[in-house]
């Protein structure tokens, strides 16, 4: 019996990892297509990341944000160079990045009475109270209400509804270019472009929430780049620190003067060791052909899944961008998740009936083939059979025909 608070349903004890595989306390090795829920973008034990951590840990573990540290300054400069002219705030996690972005948006728009937020159906932005207020799933929100007022949810991919919701009180619109927890729903290019236009016309800020879909996951460094837009605020986390806790918020340079000393803070945000790891991560992500290979492996995986889907009515749809994949099933995803684990493959769910795949970006094609073979076998075993058609009553009360 563990002393850990049981807010997670878990029983596997992971003790080590290498590449795309982890080993548990009993010595069993698993192919990890969850990658620490997207954190381990470079897999486990990446040499460059480990070396950067060791070097910086021996030099300086922590200095506090009362002072600069060189890795943190270098990381901010690097992110701005890769994204857009901006100022950067560092924190420790995705939900903290979202909370910071909410505060910054209100600070920027507050003098004009802009205090509200627009989010979308199926959105997941975090579990702290502000981020939770913009998270769509009712079972996450209800136990903690009342939450932050002034949050309005719009249907996904509905520009008409968005235009009606975004008004003079809207501080910011938060959108995941690819929804993760919401079922791996890819925002169409036209939808993101339309949102950018509406926000610009109405004076609201557009926040590209890329905690899960950013930093190479979709085949581009930032997911908003698929639509050819530039958000006002960008949130990043999960893979940024190479496995260490690190989040970031980028605010367009022209908006940053609205934020003053004391408006926000984080004791551990921008830790020099995490920043050093992040610099190594960015070196890998921006190395020649790295993202091209992510895109190619994503296409390879998608084609394999489409072949399987044609054979099994249990799969209703496959959605993906890069190496971020959702397999929507006609019934609960739990039997498939359990079946894959029995075959030595770890995946997660996104909602009740979507199997979510977030393999390390360094996954090999042979690993993808292994996964596809295992999924085929699990589905062939009937782990997710389509629900039986409703019974039809015969006239005269003679019973039911299945």
Protein backbone atom coordinates (compact mmCIF):
# COMPACT_ATOMS: atom_id res chain seq x y z
CA UNK A 1 0.00 0.00 0.00
CA UNK A 2 1.54 3.30 -1.10
CA UNK A 3 1.41 6.51 0.88
CA UNK A 4 0.74 8.41 -2.35
CA UNK A 5 -2.63 10.11 -2.61
CA UNK A 6 -4.70 7.91 -4.98
CA UNK A 7 -5.53 10.53 -7.62
CA UNK A 8 -4.16 8.19 -10.30
CA UNK A 9 -5.19 4.62 -11.07
CA UNK A 10 -1.82 2.89 -11.30
CA UNK A 11 -0.10 -0.36 -10.48
CA UNK A 12 2.98 -0.48 -12.73
CA UNK A 13 6.34 0.39 -11.13
CA UNK A 14 8.70 1.74 -13.79
CA UNK A 15 12.39 1.59 -12.84
CA UNK A 16 14.33 2.39 -16.04
CA UNK A 17 14.00 3.34 -19.68
CA UNK A 18 16.03 3.44 -22.86
CA UNK A 19 14.94 4.81 -26.21
CA UNK A 20 11.25 4.03 -26.67
CA UNK A 21 11.13 1.32 -24.00
CA UNK A 22 10.71 1.16 -20.23
CA UNK A 23 11.31 -1.66 -17.77
CA UNK A 24 9.23 -2.36 -14.67
CA UNK A 25 10.26 -3.58 -11.22
CA UNK A 26 9.72 -7.20 -12.25
CA UNK A 27 12.06 -6.88 -15.21
CA UNK A 28 9.40 -6.77 -17.94
CA UNK A 29 10.12 -4.35 -20.79
CA UNK A 30 7.39 -2.37 -22.56
CA UNK A 31 7.30 -0.43 -25.81
CA UNK A 32 6.06 2.98 -24.64
CA UNK A 33 3.60 4.66 -27.00
CA UNK A 34 2.58 7.10 -24.26
CA UNK A 35 6.00 8.68 -23.66
CA UNK A 36 5.17 9.93 -20.18
CA UNK A 37 1.97 11.49 -21.60
CA UNK A 38 4.03 13.27 -24.21
CA UNK A 39 6.86 14.40 -21.93
CA UNK A 40 9.56 12.05 -23.21
CA UNK A 41 9.65 13.37 -26.75
CA UNK A 42 13.23 12.14 -27.16
CA UNK A 43 12.49 8.89 -25.39
CA UNK A 44 14.41 7.68 -22.35
CA UNK A 45 18.08 8.16 -21.57
CA UNK A 46 18.88 10.51 -24.46
CA UNK A 47 22.66 11.02 -24.26
CA UNK A 48 22.68 14.73 -25.08
CA UNK A 49 19.94 15.56 -22.62
CA UNK A 50 21.49 13.48 -19.82
CA UNK A 51 24.90 15.04 -20.45
CA UNK A 52 23.44 18.57 -20.31
CA UNK A 53 21.68 17.78 -17.03
CA UNK A 54 24.81 16.34 -15.45
CA UNK A 55 26.99 19.25 -16.53
CA UNK A 56 24.59 21.91 -15.27
CA UNK A 57 23.74 20.04 -12.05
CA UNK A 58 27.42 20.01 -11.14
CA UNK A 59 27.65 23.75 -11.76
CA UNK A 60 24.39 25.23 -10.38
CA UNK A 61 21.14 23.56 -9.37
CA UNK A 62 19.11 26.62 -8.42
CA UNK A 63 19.65 30.35 -8.09
CA UNK A 64 16.09 31.78 -7.77
CA UNK A 65 14.42 34.23 -10.10
CA UNK A 66 15.86 37.13 -8.15
CA UNK A 67 18.86 36.64 -10.43
CA UNK A 68 19.60 35.60 -14.00
CA UNK A 69 21.20 32.29 -14.86
CA UNK A 70 22.86 31.72 -18.21
CA UNK A 71 20.91 28.60 -19.29
CA UNK A 72 17.61 30.38 -18.64
CA UNK A 73 18.60 33.47 -20.62
CA UNK A 74 19.90 31.29 -23.45
CA UNK A 75 16.69 29.24 -23.52
CA UNK A 76 14.47 32.32 -23.66
CA UNK A 77 16.52 33.71 -26.53
CA UNK A 78 16.37 30.39 -28.36
CA UNK A 79 12.60 30.05 -28.05
CA UNK A 80 12.04 33.58 -29.29
CA UNK A 81 14.31 32.95 -32.28
CA UNK A 82 12.40 29.79 -33.16
CA UNK A 83 8.88 31.16 -32.58
CA UNK A 84 8.35 34.93 -32.90
CA UNK A 85 9.56 38.18 -31.27
CA UNK A 86 8.36 37.75 -27.69
CA UNK A 87 9.11 37.88 -24.00
CA UNK A 88 9.22 34.59 -22.12
CA UNK A 89 8.00 33.49 -18.71
CA UNK A 90 9.13 30.11 -17.34
CA UNK A 91 7.18 27.90 -14.96
CA UNK A 92 7.09 24.20 -14.10
CA UNK A 93 4.16 22.59 -15.93
CA UNK A 94 1.49 22.94 -18.56
CA UNK A 95 -1.29 23.96 -16.22
CA UNK A 96 0.98 26.65 -14.73
CA UNK A 97 1.69 27.93 -18.23
CA UNK A 98 -2.04 28.17 -18.88
CA UNK A 99 -2.65 29.94 -15.57
CA UNK A 100 0.10 32.43 -16.37
CA UNK A 101 -1.32 33.03 -19.84
CA UNK A 102 -4.74 33.70 -18.32
CA UNK A 103 -3.30 36.23 -15.91
CA UNK A 104 -1.25 37.94 -18.60
CA UNK A 105 -4.28 38.15 -20.90
CA UNK A 106 -6.33 39.80 -18.17
CA UNK A 107 -3.48 42.15 -17.34
CA UNK A 108 -3.24 43.18 -20.98
CA UNK A 109 -6.98 43.50 -21.60
CA UNK A 110 -8.15 44.43 -18.12
CA UNK A 111 -7.95 48.21 -18.52
CA UNK A 112 -10.38 47.88 -21.45
CA UNK A 113 -12.75 45.66 -19.45
CA UNK A 114 -11.61 42.44 -21.10
CA UNK A 115 -11.85 39.76 -18.41
CA UNK A 116 -13.58 36.81 -20.13
CA UNK A 117 -12.18 33.77 -21.92
CA UNK A 118 -13.34 31.62 -24.80
CA UNK A 119 -12.43 27.93 -25.00
CA UNK A 120 -13.81 25.00 -26.97
CA UNK A 121 -15.77 21.82 -26.51
CA UNK A 122 -13.51 18.86 -25.66
CA UNK A 123 -10.73 21.24 -24.54
CA UNK A 124 -8.34 20.23 -21.78
CA UNK A 125 -6.17 23.01 -20.33
CA UNK A 126 -5.22 21.66 -16.90
CA UNK A 127 -6.47 20.84 -13.43
CA UNK A 128 -5.69 23.95 -11.35
CA UNK A 129 -8.74 26.12 -10.79
CA UNK A 130 -8.22 28.64 -13.58
CA UNK A 131 -7.12 26.11 -16.19
CA UNK A 132 -9.87 23.76 -15.00
CA UNK A 133 -12.41 26.49 -15.69
CA UNK A 134 -11.50 26.23 -19.38
CA UNK A 135 -11.51 22.42 -19.42
CA UNK A 136 -14.60 21.04 -21.14
CA UNK A 137 -15.09 17.68 -19.40
CA UNK A 138 -17.86 18.07 -16.86
CA UNK A 139 -16.66 15.31 -14.51
CA UNK A 140 -13.38 17.19 -14.05
CA UNK A 141 -15.08 20.53 -13.30
CA UNK A 142 -18.21 19.72 -11.31
CA UNK A 143 -16.62 18.60 -7.99
CA UNK A 144 -14.73 21.90 -7.74
CA UNK A 145 -17.35 24.44 -8.73
CA UNK A 146 -17.82 27.35 -8.53
CA UNK A 147 -14.90 27.94 -10.83
CA UNK A 148 -13.63 31.06 -12.58
CA UNK A 149 -16.53 33.05 -14.06
CA UNK A 150 -16.56 34.46 -17.56
CA UNK A 151 -15.51 31.32 -19.46
CA UNK A 152 -17.51 30.56 -22.61
CA UNK A 153 -17.27 27.28 -24.53
CA UNK A 154 -17.77 27.15 -28.28
CA UNK A 155 -18.33 24.16 -30.57
CA UNK A 156 -15.15 22.84 -32.15
CA UNK A 157 -14.48 24.00 -35.70
CA UNK A 158 -17.42 26.43 -35.76
CA UNK A 159 -16.29 29.93 -36.74
CA UNK A 160 -19.81 31.31 -36.69
CA UNK A 161 -20.25 30.32 -33.04
CA UNK A 162 -16.80 31.64 -32.20
CA UNK A 163 -17.55 34.99 -33.81
CA UNK A 164 -20.71 35.24 -31.73
CA UNK A 165 -18.85 34.43 -28.49
CA UNK A 166 -15.79 36.67 -28.97
CA UNK A 167 -16.75 40.19 -27.97
CA UNK A 168 -15.66 43.36 -26.17
CA UNK A 169 -15.27 41.50 -22.85
CA UNK A 170 -13.10 38.71 -24.28
CA UNK A 171 -9.54 38.86 -22.99
CA UNK A 172 -8.32 35.78 -24.84
CA UNK A 173 -9.34 32.76 -26.88
CA UNK A 174 -7.53 29.55 -25.91
CA UNK A 175 -7.24 26.87 -28.58
CA UNK A 176 -5.24 23.65 -28.85
CA UNK A 177 -4.22 23.27 -32.52
CA UNK A 178 -4.55 19.56 -31.82
CA UNK A 179 -6.71 18.66 -28.84
CA UNK A 180 -5.04 15.96 -26.78
CA UNK A 181 -7.17 14.84 -23.85
CA UNK A 182 -10.22 15.78 -25.93
CA UNK A 183 -9.66 12.91 -28.34
CA UNK A 184 -6.82 14.05 -30.64
CA UNK A 185 -8.95 16.42 -32.72
CA UNK A 186 -6.93 18.32 -35.31
CA UNK A 187 -8.00 21.92 -35.86
CA UNK A 188 -8.47 22.54 -39.60
CA UNK A 189 -6.19 25.17 -41.07
CA UNK A 190 -9.19 27.32 -42.00
CA UNK A 191 -10.53 27.18 -38.45
CA UNK A 192 -7.28 28.46 -36.91
CA UNK A 193 -6.91 31.13 -39.58
CA UNK A 194 -10.50 32.24 -39.00
CA UNK A 195 -9.97 32.42 -35.25
CA UNK A 196 -6.88 34.55 -35.76
CA UNK A 197 -8.86 36.91 -38.00
CA UNK A 198 -11.76 37.19 -35.56
CA UNK A 199 -9.47 37.83 -32.60
CA UNK A 200 -7.60 40.52 -34.50
CA UNK A 201 -10.84 42.20 -35.61
CA UNK A 202 -12.41 42.05 -32.12
CA UNK A 203 -9.30 43.01 -30.15
CA UNK A 204 -9.04 39.68 -28.27
CA UNK A 205 -5.80 37.74 -27.81
CA UNK A 206 -5.31 34.35 -29.45
CA UNK A 207 -3.53 31.81 -27.26
CA UNK A 208 -2.08 28.74 -28.96
CA UNK A 209 -2.12 26.16 -26.18
CA UNK A 210 0.60 23.70 -27.20
CA UNK A 211 1.43 21.98 -23.93
CA UNK A 212 0.82 18.58 -25.55
CA UNK A 213 0.90 19.24 -29.29
CA UNK A 214 3.91 21.58 -29.42
CA UNK A 215 7.64 21.03 -29.86
CA UNK A 216 7.76 18.63 -32.77
CA UNK A 217 4.85 16.37 -31.88
CA UNK A 218 2.86 17.26 -35.02
CA UNK A 219 5.83 17.28 -37.41
CA UNK A 220 6.45 21.01 -37.06
CA UNK A 221 8.22 22.66 -34.16
CA UNK A 222 5.05 24.52 -33.17
CA UNK A 223 1.60 23.26 -34.10
CA UNK A 224 0.25 26.72 -35.01
CA UNK A 225 2.73 26.74 -37.92
CA UNK A 226 0.53 24.28 -39.83
CA UNK A 227 -2.03 27.08 -40.25
CA UNK A 228 0.46 29.80 -41.17
CA UNK A 229 -0.67 32.03 -38.29
CA UNK A 230 1.11 33.69 -35.38
CA UNK A 231 -0.64 33.67 -31.99
CA UNK A 232 -0.42 36.47 -29.45
CA UNK A 233 0.53 34.03 -26.67
CA UNK A 234 2.05 30.55 -26.88
CA UNK A 235 2.09 28.02 -24.04
CA UNK A 236 4.57 25.12 -23.95
CA UNK A 237 5.52 22.41 -21.46
CA UNK A 238 5.57 18.58 -21.50
CA UNK A 239 8.59 17.71 -23.74
CA UNK A 240 10.36 21.05 -23.25
CA UNK A 241 12.47 19.98 -20.26
CA UNK A 242 13.44 16.58 -21.64
CA UNK A 243 11.73 14.91 -18.67
CA UNK A 244 12.33 17.65 -16.09
CA UNK A 245 9.47 19.95 -15.01
CA UNK A 246 9.44 23.01 -17.26
CA UNK A 247 6.78 25.18 -18.87
CA UNK A 248 6.98 28.39 -20.86
CA UNK A 249 4.73 31.24 -21.95
CA UNK A 250 5.70 33.42 -24.91
CA UNK A 251 3.98 36.81 -25.21
CA UNK A 252 4.31 38.89 -28.35
CA UNK A 253 6.92 41.56 -27.79
CA UNK A 254 4.53 44.46 -28.37
CA UNK A 255 2.16 43.15 -25.68
CA UNK A 256 4.81 42.49 -23.02
CA UNK A 257 5.05 46.10 -21.67
CA UNK A 258 1.67 45.58 -20.02
CA UNK A 259 3.27 43.08 -17.61
CA UNK A 260 5.05 44.70 -14.66
CA UNK A 261 7.36 43.53 -11.89
CA UNK A 262 5.33 41.55 -9.35
CA UNK A 263 2.47 40.66 -11.71
CA UNK A 264 3.44 36.99 -11.64
CA UNK A 265 6.19 34.73 -10.38
CA UNK A 266 7.44 31.19 -9.80
CA UNK A 267 10.02 30.07 -7.26
CA UNK A 268 11.24 27.13 -9.33
CA UNK A 269 10.19 28.31 -12.79
CA UNK A 270 13.15 28.50 -15.14
CA UNK A 271 15.37 26.19 -13.13
CA UNK A 272 18.86 26.24 -14.70
CA UNK A 273 19.13 22.45 -14.89
CA UNK A 274 15.76 22.14 -16.63
CA UNK A 275 16.74 25.00 -18.94
CA UNK A 276 19.99 23.27 -19.85
CA UNK A 277 18.02 20.11 -20.66
CA UNK A 278 15.61 22.14 -22.77
CA UNK A 279 18.45 23.63 -24.81
CA UNK A 280 19.61 20.09 -25.59
CA UNK A 281 16.04 19.14 -26.56
CA UNK A 282 15.79 22.09 -28.94
CA UNK A 283 19.16 21.20 -30.46
CA UNK A 284 17.77 17.77 -31.34
CA UNK A 285 14.40 19.01 -32.57
CA UNK A 286 16.01 21.55 -34.89
CA UNK A 287 18.74 19.26 -36.19
CA UNK A 288 18.63 18.59 -39.96
CA UNK A 289 15.73 16.38 -41.10
CA UNK A 290 14.58 15.56 -37.54
CA UNK A 291 11.08 16.97 -37.97
CA UNK A 292 10.86 15.61 -41.51
CA UNK A 293 11.42 12.15 -40.05
CA UNK A 294 8.72 12.75 -37.41
CA UNK A 295 6.30 13.62 -40.19
CA UNK A 296 7.31 10.58 -42.26
CA UNK A 297 6.93 8.21 -39.30
CA UNK A 298 3.55 9.77 -38.57
CA UNK A 299 2.41 9.02 -42.13
CA UNK A 300 3.74 5.45 -41.83
CA UNK A 301 1.82 4.93 -38.58
CA UNK A 302 -1.37 6.48 -39.97
CA UNK A 303 -1.30 4.27 -43.09
CA UNK A 304 -0.88 1.18 -40.93
CA UNK A 305 -3.76 2.19 -38.71
CA UNK A 306 -5.99 2.89 -41.70
CA UNK A 307 -5.27 -0.62 -43.01
CA UNK A 308 -6.26 -2.10 -39.66
CA UNK A 309 -9.36 0.10 -39.44
CA UNK A 310 -10.63 -1.29 -42.74
CA UNK A 311 -10.61 -4.76 -41.20
CA UNK A 312 -12.21 -3.97 -37.86
CA UNK A 313 -15.58 -2.21 -37.45
CA UNK A 314 -14.54 -1.59 -33.84
CA UNK A 315 -12.52 1.40 -35.12
CA UNK A 316 -14.78 4.26 -36.14
CA UNK A 317 -12.09 6.82 -37.02
CA UNK A 318 -8.34 7.47 -36.95
CA UNK A 319 -7.23 11.06 -36.36
CA UNK A 320 -3.65 12.25 -36.39
CA UNK A 321 -1.07 14.90 -37.10
CA UNK A 322 2.54 13.83 -37.01
CA UNK A 323 3.09 11.42 -34.12
CA UNK A 324 -0.03 12.50 -32.23
CA UNK A 325 -2.75 9.93 -32.93
CA UNK A 326 -6.25 9.17 -31.73
CA UNK A 327 -7.96 5.85 -32.54
CA UNK A 328 -11.67 6.34 -31.91
CA UNK A 329 -13.49 3.12 -31.08
CA UNK A 330 -17.19 2.30 -31.12
CA UNK A 331 -17.04 1.32 -27.45
CA UNK A 332 -14.77 1.70 -24.43
CA UNK A 333 -11.04 1.91 -25.09
CA UNK A 334 -10.18 0.21 -21.80
CA UNK A 335 -10.08 -3.38 -23.16
CA UNK A 336 -7.72 -2.32 -25.97
CA UNK A 337 -5.44 -0.41 -23.59
CA UNK A 338 -5.31 -3.45 -21.30
CA UNK A 339 -4.82 -5.86 -24.21
CA UNK A 340 -1.89 -3.86 -25.55
CA UNK A 341 -0.28 -3.72 -22.13
CA UNK A 342 -0.51 -7.52 -21.88
CA UNK A 343 1.43 -7.62 -25.15
CA UNK A 344 4.08 -5.28 -23.76
CA UNK A 345 2.89 -1.96 -25.20
CA UNK A 346 1.84 1.09 -23.18
CA UNK A 347 -0.78 3.53 -24.50
CA UNK A 348 -3.25 5.91 -22.89
CA UNK A 349 -6.87 6.89 -23.40
CA UNK A 350 -8.24 10.27 -24.40
CA UNK A 351 -11.76 10.23 -23.06
CA UNK A 352 -13.77 7.03 -22.83
CA UNK A 353 -13.42 5.57 -26.31
CA UNK A 354 -10.22 6.96 -27.87
CA UNK A 355 -6.84 5.23 -27.70
CA UNK A 356 -4.23 7.99 -27.69
CA UNK A 357 -0.76 7.40 -29.15
CA UNK A 358 2.13 9.69 -28.23
CA UNK A 359 5.22 7.65 -29.05
CA UNK A 360 8.64 9.22 -28.55
CA UNK A 361 9.60 11.26 -31.59
CA UNK A 362 12.67 9.03 -31.91
CA UNK A 363 10.53 5.89 -32.27
CA UNK A 364 11.78 3.53 -34.97
CA UNK A 365 9.73 2.10 -37.82
CA UNK A 366 10.28 -1.42 -36.47
CA UNK A 367 8.69 -0.25 -33.21
CA UNK A 368 5.71 1.09 -35.15
CA UNK A 369 5.38 -2.26 -36.93
CA UNK A 370 5.49 -4.03 -33.55
CA UNK A 371 2.71 -1.79 -32.26
CA UNK A 372 0.56 -2.31 -35.36
CA UNK A 373 0.94 -6.08 -35.08
CA UNK A 374 -0.04 -6.00 -31.42
CA UNK A 375 -3.07 -3.79 -32.08
CA UNK A 376 -4.21 -6.11 -34.87
CA UNK A 377 -3.94 -9.09 -32.52
CA UNK A 378 -5.82 -7.33 -29.72
CA UNK A 379 -8.68 -6.34 -32.03
CA UNK A 380 -8.77 -9.83 -33.57
CA UNK A 381 -9.29 -11.23 -30.08
CA UNK A 382 -12.54 -9.25 -29.82
CA UNK A 383 -11.26 -6.86 -27.17
CA UNK A 384 -13.40 -4.06 -28.60
CA UNK A 385 -16.23 -5.69 -30.48
CA UNK A 386 -18.92 -3.36 -31.86
CA UNK A 387 -22.02 -3.26 -29.65
CA UNK A 388 -24.73 -5.70 -30.61
CA UNK A 389 -27.70 -4.22 -32.49
CA UNK A 390 -30.74 -3.47 -30.34
CA UNK A 391 -33.17 -6.30 -29.84
CA UNK A 392 -36.25 -6.28 -32.06
CA UNK A 393 -39.52 -7.26 -30.42
CA UNK A 394 -41.73 -9.61 -32.41
CA UNK A 395 -45.40 -8.80 -32.65
CA UNK A 396 -47.55 -10.76 -30.27
CA UNK A 397 -45.05 -10.72 -27.43
CA UNK A 398 -43.06 -13.63 -28.78
CA UNK A 399 -39.74 -12.41 -27.34
CA UNK A 400 -36.79 -10.64 -28.98
CA UNK A 401 -34.54 -11.31 -31.92
CA UNK A 402 -30.92 -10.19 -31.52
